[in-house]
Amino acid sequence: ATNHLMAEFIINSGLYVDDDNLVYFVLPPGTRWSVDDQMMIVRPHNIEEDLLEQEDVRTMREMREMANSICPIIQMTADCPGLNLDGKLPILDLKVWVNREGRILHEFYRKEMASRLLILARSAMPERVKRVTLTQEALRILRNTSMEVPRERMEEMLSDFC
């Protein structure tokens, strides 16, 4: 069982945190948070049911249950790649996921409702400032994308920016 998780979770959550991005190992199938025992317990009768659910979704559900048991008036929310259609977790201007080899990858992300305009062409800013701003935005897109992301995907993101 993983009874050390609760103490570690409480210690690491000692300060107010609005958003926290964590990477967990997935829990074994059948694992459930036991409020009475204050620990994760593998329940054999839940194993088959858990094999039908994505590992990250199942783990986040139980981690949220553990967090919600600390103080009943504070209820947590959770997100993970498995809850998103493309299997990637949006975090600010990144989308993050774990590849087949277990490496954490990321790529640039912009919400659909976010404005695509940086500076209006008719702006009174000098041309040099406009050019530098556009260049820096392109560099930000590349910087916020893992080197392992296929070149075609990087080109797609840059084309979308243009």
N, C-alpha and C. Protein backbone atom coordinates (compact mmCIF):
# COMPACT_ATOMS: atom_id res chain seq x y z
N ALA A 1 0.85 -1.19 0.00
CA ALA A 1 0.00 0.00 0.00
C ALA A 1 0.89 1.25 0.00
N THR A 2 0.28 2.37 -0.25
CA THR A 2 1.04 3.62 -0.39
C THR A 2 0.67 4.61 0.70
N ASN A 3 0.81 4.21 1.95
CA ASN A 3 0.40 5.10 3.04
C ASN A 3 1.30 6.31 3.18
N HIS A 4 2.51 6.28 2.62
CA HIS A 4 3.40 7.44 2.70
C HIS A 4 2.90 8.60 1.82
N LEU A 5 2.03 8.32 0.86
CA LEU A 5 1.54 9.37 -0.04
C LEU A 5 0.76 10.46 0.70
N MET A 6 -0.05 10.06 1.67
CA MET A 6 -0.88 11.04 2.37
C MET A 6 0.00 12.04 3.13
N ALA A 7 0.97 11.54 3.89
CA ALA A 7 1.85 12.45 4.65
C ALA A 7 2.62 13.35 3.70
N GLU A 8 3.15 12.78 2.62
CA GLU A 8 3.90 13.57 1.64
C GLU A 8 3.00 14.61 0.99
N PHE A 9 1.76 14.24 0.69
CA PHE A 9 0.82 15.16 0.07
C PHE A 9 0.53 16.34 1.00
N ILE A 10 0.31 16.06 2.27
CA ILE A 10 0.02 17.13 3.24
C ILE A 10 1.23 18.04 3.41
N ILE A 11 2.44 17.45 3.53
CA ILE A 11 3.65 18.26 3.70
C ILE A 11 3.85 19.16 2.49
N ASN A 12 3.72 18.61 1.29
CA ASN A 12 3.95 19.38 0.07
C ASN A 12 2.84 20.39 -0.19
N SER A 13 1.71 20.26 0.45
CA SER A 13 0.60 21.19 0.24
C SER A 13 0.46 22.14 1.42
N GLY A 14 1.52 22.34 2.19
CA GLY A 14 1.46 23.19 3.38
C GLY A 14 1.17 24.64 3.08
N LEU A 15 1.49 25.12 1.89
CA LEU A 15 1.22 26.49 1.52
C LEU A 15 0.05 26.53 0.56
N TYR A 16 -0.61 27.67 0.48
CA TYR A 16 -1.71 27.82 -0.46
C TYR A 16 -1.18 27.72 -1.88
N VAL A 17 -1.77 26.87 -2.65
CA VAL A 17 -1.40 26.72 -4.05
C VAL A 17 -2.70 26.70 -4.85
N ASP A 18 -2.81 27.61 -5.81
CA ASP A 18 -4.01 27.65 -6.63
C ASP A 18 -3.97 26.59 -7.71
N ASP A 19 -2.87 26.52 -8.41
CA ASP A 19 -2.68 25.53 -9.46
C ASP A 19 -1.34 24.86 -9.23
N ASP A 20 -1.34 23.55 -9.28
CA ASP A 20 -0.11 22.81 -9.09
C ASP A 20 -0.04 21.76 -10.19
N ASN A 21 1.07 21.68 -10.89
CA ASN A 21 1.24 20.71 -11.95
C ASN A 21 2.20 19.64 -11.46
N LEU A 22 1.70 18.41 -11.37
CA LEU A 22 2.49 17.31 -10.84
C LEU A 22 2.48 16.15 -11.82
N VAL A 23 3.54 15.36 -11.78
CA VAL A 23 3.61 14.14 -12.57
C VAL A 23 3.62 12.99 -11.58
N TYR A 24 2.67 12.08 -11.74
CA TYR A 24 2.56 10.92 -10.85
C TYR A 24 2.85 9.64 -11.63
N PHE A 25 3.34 8.64 -10.91
CA PHE A 25 3.32 7.29 -11.47
C PHE A 25 1.87 6.84 -11.38
N VAL A 26 1.44 6.02 -12.31
CA VAL A 26 0.05 5.56 -12.25
C VAL A 26 -0.10 4.54 -11.13
N LEU A 27 -1.27 4.54 -10.54
CA LEU A 27 -1.57 3.58 -9.48
C LEU A 27 -1.88 2.22 -10.10
N PRO A 28 -1.57 1.15 -9.41
CA PRO A 28 -1.91 -0.18 -9.94
C PRO A 28 -3.42 -0.34 -10.05
N PRO A 29 -3.90 -1.10 -11.03
CA PRO A 29 -5.35 -1.33 -11.14
C PRO A 29 -5.91 -1.87 -9.83
N GLY A 30 -7.10 -1.39 -9.48
CA GLY A 30 -7.76 -1.82 -8.25
C GLY A 30 -7.46 -0.95 -7.06
N THR A 31 -6.57 0.02 -7.19
CA THR A 31 -6.18 0.87 -6.07
C THR A 31 -7.27 1.90 -5.78
N ARG A 32 -7.62 2.02 -4.52
CA ARG A 32 -8.61 3.00 -4.08
C ARG A 32 -8.11 3.70 -2.83
N TRP A 33 -8.52 4.96 -2.68
CA TRP A 33 -8.21 5.71 -1.46
C TRP A 33 -9.19 5.29 -0.39
N SER A 34 -8.65 4.90 0.76
CA SER A 34 -9.48 4.53 1.91
C SER A 34 -9.45 5.67 2.91
N VAL A 35 -10.59 6.32 3.08
CA VAL A 35 -10.68 7.43 4.03
C VAL A 35 -10.46 6.91 5.45
N ASP A 36 -11.02 5.74 5.75
CA ASP A 36 -10.88 5.18 7.11
C ASP A 36 -9.43 4.85 7.44
N ASP A 37 -8.72 4.23 6.50
CA ASP A 37 -7.34 3.81 6.74
C ASP A 37 -6.32 4.89 6.40
N GLN A 38 -6.77 5.98 5.73
CA GLN A 38 -5.89 7.06 5.31
C GLN A 38 -4.72 6.55 4.47
N MET A 39 -5.04 5.67 3.53
CA MET A 39 -4.01 5.13 2.64
C MET A 39 -4.65 4.55 1.38
N MET A 40 -3.82 4.36 0.37
CA MET A 40 -4.26 3.71 -0.84
C MET A 40 -4.23 2.20 -0.61
N ILE A 41 -5.29 1.53 -1.03
CA ILE A 41 -5.40 0.09 -0.84
C ILE A 41 -5.78 -0.54 -2.17
N VAL A 42 -5.10 -1.64 -2.52
CA VAL A 42 -5.46 -2.38 -3.73
C VAL A 42 -6.62 -3.31 -3.38
N ARG A 43 -7.72 -3.13 -4.10
CA ARG A 43 -8.90 -3.95 -3.89
C ARG A 43 -9.08 -4.85 -5.12
N PRO A 44 -8.80 -6.14 -4.97
CA PRO A 44 -8.82 -7.06 -6.13
C PRO A 44 -10.13 -7.04 -6.92
N HIS A 45 -11.26 -6.81 -6.27
CA HIS A 45 -12.53 -6.82 -7.00
C HIS A 45 -12.70 -5.62 -7.94
N ASN A 46 -11.82 -4.60 -7.82
CA ASN A 46 -11.88 -3.44 -8.71
C ASN A 46 -10.91 -3.51 -9.88
N ILE A 47 -10.06 -4.53 -9.92
CA ILE A 47 -9.01 -4.61 -10.94
C ILE A 47 -9.59 -4.68 -12.35
N GLU A 48 -10.53 -5.57 -12.59
CA GLU A 48 -11.10 -5.72 -13.94
C GLU A 48 -11.73 -4.43 -14.44
N GLU A 49 -12.49 -3.79 -13.58
CA GLU A 49 -13.15 -2.52 -13.91
C GLU A 49 -12.09 -1.45 -14.26
N ASP A 50 -11.00 -1.42 -13.50
CA ASP A 50 -9.95 -0.42 -13.72
C ASP A 50 -9.19 -0.64 -15.02
N LEU A 51 -9.11 -1.86 -15.49
CA LEU A 51 -8.41 -2.13 -16.74
C LEU A 51 -9.14 -1.53 -17.95
N LEU A 52 -10.40 -1.18 -17.78
CA LEU A 52 -11.19 -0.56 -18.84
C LEU A 52 -11.04 0.96 -18.88
N GLU A 53 -10.41 1.50 -17.85
CA GLU A 53 -10.26 2.96 -17.73
C GLU A 53 -8.80 3.35 -17.98
N GLN A 54 -8.59 4.54 -18.54
CA GLN A 54 -7.22 5.01 -18.77
C GLN A 54 -6.49 5.15 -17.44
N GLU A 55 -5.22 4.77 -17.43
CA GLU A 55 -4.44 4.77 -16.20
C GLU A 55 -4.34 6.15 -15.55
N ASP A 56 -4.10 7.18 -16.36
CA ASP A 56 -3.94 8.52 -15.78
C ASP A 56 -5.26 9.05 -15.23
N VAL A 57 -6.36 8.73 -15.88
CA VAL A 57 -7.69 9.17 -15.41
C VAL A 57 -8.00 8.50 -14.07
N ARG A 58 -7.73 7.21 -14.00
CA ARG A 58 -7.98 6.45 -12.76
C ARG A 58 -7.10 6.99 -11.62
N THR A 59 -5.83 7.24 -11.90
CA THR A 59 -4.92 7.75 -10.87
C THR A 59 -5.36 9.12 -10.38
N MET A 60 -5.72 10.02 -11.30
CA MET A 60 -6.15 11.36 -10.89
C MET A 60 -7.43 11.32 -10.07
N ARG A 61 -8.34 10.40 -10.41
CA ARG A 61 -9.57 10.28 -9.62
C ARG A 61 -9.24 9.93 -8.17
N GLU A 62 -8.34 8.98 -7.98
CA GLU A 62 -8.00 8.57 -6.61
C GLU A 62 -7.16 9.61 -5.89
N MET A 63 -6.28 10.30 -6.59
CA MET A 63 -5.49 11.37 -5.97
C MET A 63 -6.41 12.51 -5.54
N ARG A 64 -7.43 12.81 -6.37
CA ARG A 64 -8.39 13.85 -6.01
C ARG A 64 -9.20 13.41 -4.79
N GLU A 65 -9.59 12.13 -4.73
CA GLU A 65 -10.32 11.63 -3.56
C GLU A 65 -9.47 11.79 -2.29
N MET A 66 -8.18 11.47 -2.41
CA MET A 66 -7.27 11.61 -1.27
C MET A 66 -7.20 13.08 -0.84
N ALA A 67 -7.00 13.98 -1.81
CA ALA A 67 -6.89 15.40 -1.49
C ALA A 67 -8.19 15.93 -0.88
N ASN A 68 -9.33 15.50 -1.41
CA ASN A 68 -10.62 15.98 -0.91
C ASN A 68 -10.91 15.49 0.50
N SER A 69 -10.25 14.42 0.94
CA SER A 69 -10.50 13.90 2.29
C SER A 69 -9.75 14.68 3.37
N ILE A 70 -8.84 15.54 2.97
CA ILE A 70 -8.05 16.31 3.96
C ILE A 70 -8.93 17.31 4.69
N CYS A 71 -9.69 18.08 3.93
CA CYS A 71 -10.56 19.09 4.53
C CYS A 71 -11.84 19.13 3.69
N PRO A 72 -12.96 18.69 4.25
CA PRO A 72 -14.20 18.57 3.47
C PRO A 72 -14.69 19.86 2.82
N ILE A 73 -14.32 21.02 3.37
CA ILE A 73 -14.81 22.25 2.75
C ILE A 73 -13.96 22.70 1.57
N ILE A 74 -12.81 22.06 1.39
CA ILE A 74 -11.97 22.35 0.23
C ILE A 74 -12.01 21.15 -0.70
N GLN A 75 -12.54 21.35 -1.88
CA GLN A 75 -12.65 20.27 -2.86
C GLN A 75 -11.77 20.58 -4.06
N MET A 76 -10.99 19.61 -4.46
CA MET A 76 -10.03 19.77 -5.55
C MET A 76 -10.64 19.42 -6.90
N THR A 77 -10.05 19.97 -7.93
CA THR A 77 -10.36 19.55 -9.29
C THR A 77 -9.08 18.95 -9.86
N ALA A 78 -9.21 18.18 -10.89
CA ALA A 78 -8.02 17.55 -11.47
C ALA A 78 -8.21 17.42 -12.97
N ASP A 79 -7.09 17.45 -13.66
CA ASP A 79 -7.10 17.25 -15.11
C ASP A 79 -5.89 16.39 -15.44
N CYS A 80 -5.97 15.67 -16.52
CA CYS A 80 -4.86 14.83 -16.97
C CYS A 80 -5.01 14.63 -18.48
N PRO A 81 -3.96 14.18 -19.14
CA PRO A 81 -4.04 14.01 -20.60
C PRO A 81 -5.22 13.14 -21.05
N GLY A 82 -5.52 12.10 -20.31
CA GLY A 82 -6.59 11.19 -20.69
C GLY A 82 -7.98 11.81 -20.70
N LEU A 83 -8.14 12.96 -20.08
CA LEU A 83 -9.44 13.64 -20.07
C LEU A 83 -9.59 14.61 -21.24
N ASN A 84 -8.57 14.71 -22.08
CA ASN A 84 -8.60 15.62 -23.22
C ASN A 84 -8.60 14.82 -24.52
N LEU A 85 -9.32 15.31 -25.51
CA LEU A 85 -9.50 14.58 -26.76
C LEU A 85 -8.18 14.22 -27.45
N ASP A 86 -7.20 15.13 -27.42
CA ASP A 86 -5.94 14.86 -28.10
C ASP A 86 -4.91 14.16 -27.20
N GLY A 87 -5.30 13.84 -25.96
CA GLY A 87 -4.39 13.15 -25.06
C GLY A 87 -3.28 14.03 -24.53
N LYS A 88 -3.46 15.35 -24.62
CA LYS A 88 -2.46 16.30 -24.15
C LYS A 88 -3.11 17.25 -23.14
N LEU A 89 -2.40 17.55 -22.08
CA LEU A 89 -2.92 18.39 -21.00
C LEU A 89 -2.55 19.85 -21.22
N PRO A 90 -3.54 20.74 -21.43
CA PRO A 90 -3.22 22.16 -21.59
C PRO A 90 -2.85 22.80 -20.25
N ILE A 91 -1.69 23.47 -20.23
CA ILE A 91 -1.22 24.21 -19.05
C ILE A 91 -0.70 25.55 -19.56
N LEU A 92 -1.43 26.63 -19.28
CA LEU A 92 -1.08 27.96 -19.74
C LEU A 92 -0.83 27.96 -21.25
N ASP A 93 0.42 28.18 -21.70
CA ASP A 93 0.66 28.21 -23.14
C ASP A 93 1.38 26.94 -23.63
N LEU A 94 1.16 25.83 -22.90
CA LEU A 94 1.75 24.55 -23.27
C LEU A 94 0.69 23.47 -23.30
N LYS A 95 0.94 22.43 -24.07
CA LYS A 95 0.21 21.17 -23.97
C LYS A 95 1.25 20.14 -23.61
N VAL A 96 0.98 19.35 -22.57
CA VAL A 96 1.95 18.41 -22.03
C VAL A 96 1.39 17.00 -22.10
N TRP A 97 2.25 16.03 -22.41
CA TRP A 97 1.85 14.63 -22.43
C TRP A 97 3.08 13.76 -22.20
N VAL A 98 2.84 12.48 -21.95
CA VAL A 98 3.92 11.51 -21.77
C VAL A 98 3.90 10.60 -23.00
N ASN A 99 5.07 10.47 -23.66
CA ASN A 99 5.11 9.63 -24.86
C ASN A 99 5.25 8.15 -24.48
N ARG A 100 5.32 7.29 -25.47
CA ARG A 100 5.37 5.83 -25.23
C ARG A 100 6.62 5.41 -24.45
N GLU A 101 7.70 6.19 -24.59
CA GLU A 101 8.93 5.87 -23.88
C GLU A 101 8.93 6.41 -22.45
N GLY A 102 7.86 7.10 -22.05
CA GLY A 102 7.77 7.64 -20.70
C GLY A 102 8.37 9.03 -20.54
N ARG A 103 8.75 9.67 -21.64
CA ARG A 103 9.29 11.04 -21.59
C ARG A 103 8.15 12.05 -21.58
N ILE A 104 8.33 13.11 -20.81
CA ILE A 104 7.35 14.19 -20.77
C ILE A 104 7.66 15.14 -21.92
N LEU A 105 6.70 15.33 -22.81
CA LEU A 105 6.86 16.22 -23.95
C LEU A 105 5.91 17.40 -23.82
N HIS A 106 6.22 18.47 -24.53
CA HIS A 106 5.35 19.64 -24.51
C HIS A 106 5.40 20.34 -25.86
N GLU A 107 4.31 21.04 -26.14
CA GLU A 107 4.27 21.85 -27.34
C GLU A 107 3.51 23.13 -27.05
N PHE A 108 3.75 24.13 -27.87
CA PHE A 108 3.08 25.42 -27.71
C PHE A 108 1.57 25.22 -27.83
N TYR A 109 0.82 26.01 -27.04
CA TYR A 109 -0.64 25.92 -27.06
C TYR A 109 -1.23 27.31 -26.92
N ARG A 110 -2.24 27.58 -27.70
CA ARG A 110 -2.99 28.83 -27.59
C ARG A 110 -4.47 28.47 -27.59
N LYS A 111 -5.20 28.97 -26.61
CA LYS A 111 -6.64 28.70 -26.56
C LYS A 111 -7.30 29.25 -27.82
N GLU A 112 -8.36 28.59 -28.23
CA GLU A 112 -9.04 29.00 -29.46
C GLU A 112 -9.60 30.42 -29.37
N MET A 113 -10.01 30.84 -28.17
CA MET A 113 -10.59 32.17 -28.04
C MET A 113 -9.53 33.26 -27.87
N ALA A 114 -8.26 32.87 -27.74
CA ALA A 114 -7.18 33.86 -27.58
C ALA A 114 -6.98 34.63 -28.88
N SER A 115 -6.72 35.91 -28.74
CA SER A 115 -6.50 36.75 -29.91
C SER A 115 -5.21 36.34 -30.62
N ARG A 116 -5.26 36.32 -31.92
CA ARG A 116 -4.08 35.98 -32.73
C ARG A 116 -3.27 37.24 -33.08
N LEU A 117 -3.80 38.40 -32.70
CA LEU A 117 -3.12 39.66 -33.02
C LEU A 117 -2.09 40.01 -31.96
N LEU A 118 -0.92 40.39 -32.39
CA LEU A 118 0.11 40.87 -31.46
C LEU A 118 0.14 42.39 -31.48
N ILE A 119 0.35 42.95 -32.67
CA ILE A 119 0.36 44.39 -32.86
C ILE A 119 -0.35 44.66 -34.18
N LEU A 120 -1.26 45.61 -34.17
CA LEU A 120 -1.95 45.96 -35.42
C LEU A 120 -0.97 46.55 -36.42
N ALA A 121 -1.14 46.22 -37.69
CA ALA A 121 -0.25 46.72 -38.74
C ALA A 121 -0.25 48.25 -38.79
N ARG A 122 -1.40 48.85 -38.50
CA ARG A 122 -1.50 50.31 -38.57
C ARG A 122 -1.09 50.99 -37.25
N SER A 123 -0.55 50.22 -36.32
CA SER A 123 -0.10 50.74 -35.04
C SER A 123 1.00 51.79 -35.26
N ALA A 124 1.10 52.73 -34.34
CA ALA A 124 2.13 53.79 -34.43
C ALA A 124 3.50 53.30 -33.99
N MET A 125 3.61 52.07 -33.60
CA MET A 125 4.92 51.54 -33.18
C MET A 125 5.86 51.50 -34.38
N PRO A 126 7.13 51.70 -34.13
CA PRO A 126 8.12 51.63 -35.21
C PRO A 126 8.14 50.23 -35.84
N GLU A 127 8.46 50.16 -37.12
CA GLU A 127 8.52 48.88 -37.83
C GLU A 127 9.48 47.91 -37.15
N ARG A 128 10.58 48.43 -36.63
CA ARG A 128 11.56 47.59 -35.96
C ARG A 128 10.93 46.87 -34.76
N VAL A 129 10.12 47.57 -33.97
CA VAL A 129 9.46 46.98 -32.80
C VAL A 129 8.46 45.91 -33.25
N LYS A 130 7.73 46.19 -34.32
CA LYS A 130 6.77 45.21 -34.84
C LYS A 130 7.50 43.94 -35.28
N ARG A 131 8.61 44.12 -35.99
CA ARG A 131 9.38 42.99 -36.49
C ARG A 131 9.95 42.16 -35.33
N VAL A 132 10.51 42.82 -34.34
CA VAL A 132 11.08 42.12 -33.18
C VAL A 132 9.98 41.37 -32.42
N THR A 133 8.82 41.98 -32.27
CA THR A 133 7.70 41.34 -31.56
C THR A 133 7.27 40.07 -32.27
N LEU A 134 7.14 40.13 -33.58
CA LEU A 134 6.75 38.95 -34.36
C LEU A 134 7.83 37.87 -34.28
N THR A 135 9.09 38.26 -34.36
CA THR A 135 10.19 37.30 -34.27
C THR A 135 10.19 36.62 -32.90
N GLN A 136 10.00 37.39 -31.84
CA GLN A 136 10.01 36.83 -30.49
C GLN A 136 8.83 35.88 -30.27
N GLU A 137 7.70 36.17 -30.87
CA GLU A 137 6.55 35.27 -30.75
C GLU A 137 6.85 33.94 -31.45
N ALA A 138 7.46 34.00 -32.62
CA ALA A 138 7.84 32.77 -33.32
C ALA A 138 8.86 31.98 -32.50
N LEU A 139 9.81 32.66 -31.89
CA LEU A 139 10.79 31.99 -31.04
C LEU A 139 10.13 31.38 -29.81
N ARG A 140 9.14 32.05 -29.26
CA ARG A 140 8.41 31.52 -28.10
C ARG A 140 7.70 30.22 -28.47
N ILE A 141 7.11 30.18 -29.65
CA ILE A 141 6.43 28.96 -30.11
C ILE A 141 7.44 27.82 -30.20
N LEU A 142 8.61 28.08 -30.77
CA LEU A 142 9.63 27.04 -30.89
C LEU A 142 10.22 26.65 -29.54
N ARG A 143 10.46 27.65 -28.67
CA ARG A 143 11.03 27.39 -27.35
C ARG A 143 10.07 26.56 -26.49
N ASN A 144 8.78 26.78 -26.66
CA ASN A 144 7.78 26.06 -25.87
C ASN A 144 7.36 24.75 -26.51
N THR A 145 8.21 24.20 -27.33
CA THR A 145 7.93 22.92 -27.98
C THR A 145 9.15 22.01 -27.83
N SER A 146 8.91 20.80 -27.36
CA SER A 146 10.00 19.83 -27.20
C SER A 146 10.68 19.56 -28.53
N MET A 147 11.97 19.31 -28.46
CA MET A 147 12.74 18.98 -29.66
C MET A 147 12.27 17.67 -30.28
N GLU A 148 11.64 16.80 -29.49
CA GLU A 148 11.17 15.51 -29.99
C GLU A 148 9.88 15.61 -30.80
N VAL A 149 9.22 16.77 -30.75
CA VAL A 149 7.99 16.96 -31.53
C VAL A 149 8.39 16.97 -33.01
N PRO A 150 7.66 16.23 -33.85
CA PRO A 150 8.02 16.17 -35.28
C PRO A 150 8.08 17.55 -35.93
N ARG A 151 9.02 17.69 -36.84
CA ARG A 151 9.23 18.96 -37.55
C ARG A 151 7.94 19.44 -38.23
N GLU A 152 7.18 18.51 -38.79
CA GLU A 152 5.92 18.87 -39.46
C GLU A 152 4.97 19.56 -38.49
N ARG A 153 4.93 19.09 -37.24
CA ARG A 153 4.05 19.70 -36.23
C ARG A 153 4.54 21.10 -35.88
N MET A 154 5.87 21.28 -35.77
CA MET A 154 6.41 22.62 -35.49
C MET A 154 6.08 23.58 -36.64
N GLU A 155 6.23 23.10 -37.85
CA GLU A 155 5.90 23.93 -39.03
C GLU A 155 4.42 24.30 -39.04
N GLU A 156 3.58 23.35 -38.63
CA GLU A 156 2.14 23.60 -38.56
C GLU A 156 1.83 24.71 -37.55
N MET A 157 2.49 24.65 -36.38
CA MET A 157 2.26 25.68 -35.35
C MET A 157 2.74 27.05 -35.82
N LEU A 158 3.88 27.09 -36.49
CA LEU A 158 4.39 28.36 -37.00
C LEU A 158 3.51 28.90 -38.12
N SER A 159 3.01 28.03 -38.98
CA SER A 159 2.11 28.45 -40.06
C SER A 159 0.81 29.00 -39.49
N ASP A 160 0.33 28.36 -38.44
CA ASP A 160 -0.89 28.83 -37.79
C ASP A 160 -0.69 30.21 -37.19
N PHE A 161 0.50 30.46 -36.68
CA PHE A 161 0.84 31.78 -36.13
C PHE A 161 0.85 32.84 -37.22
N CYS A 162 1.39 32.48 -38.38
CA CYS A 162 1.48 33.45 -39.49
C CYS A 162 0.11 33.69 -40.05
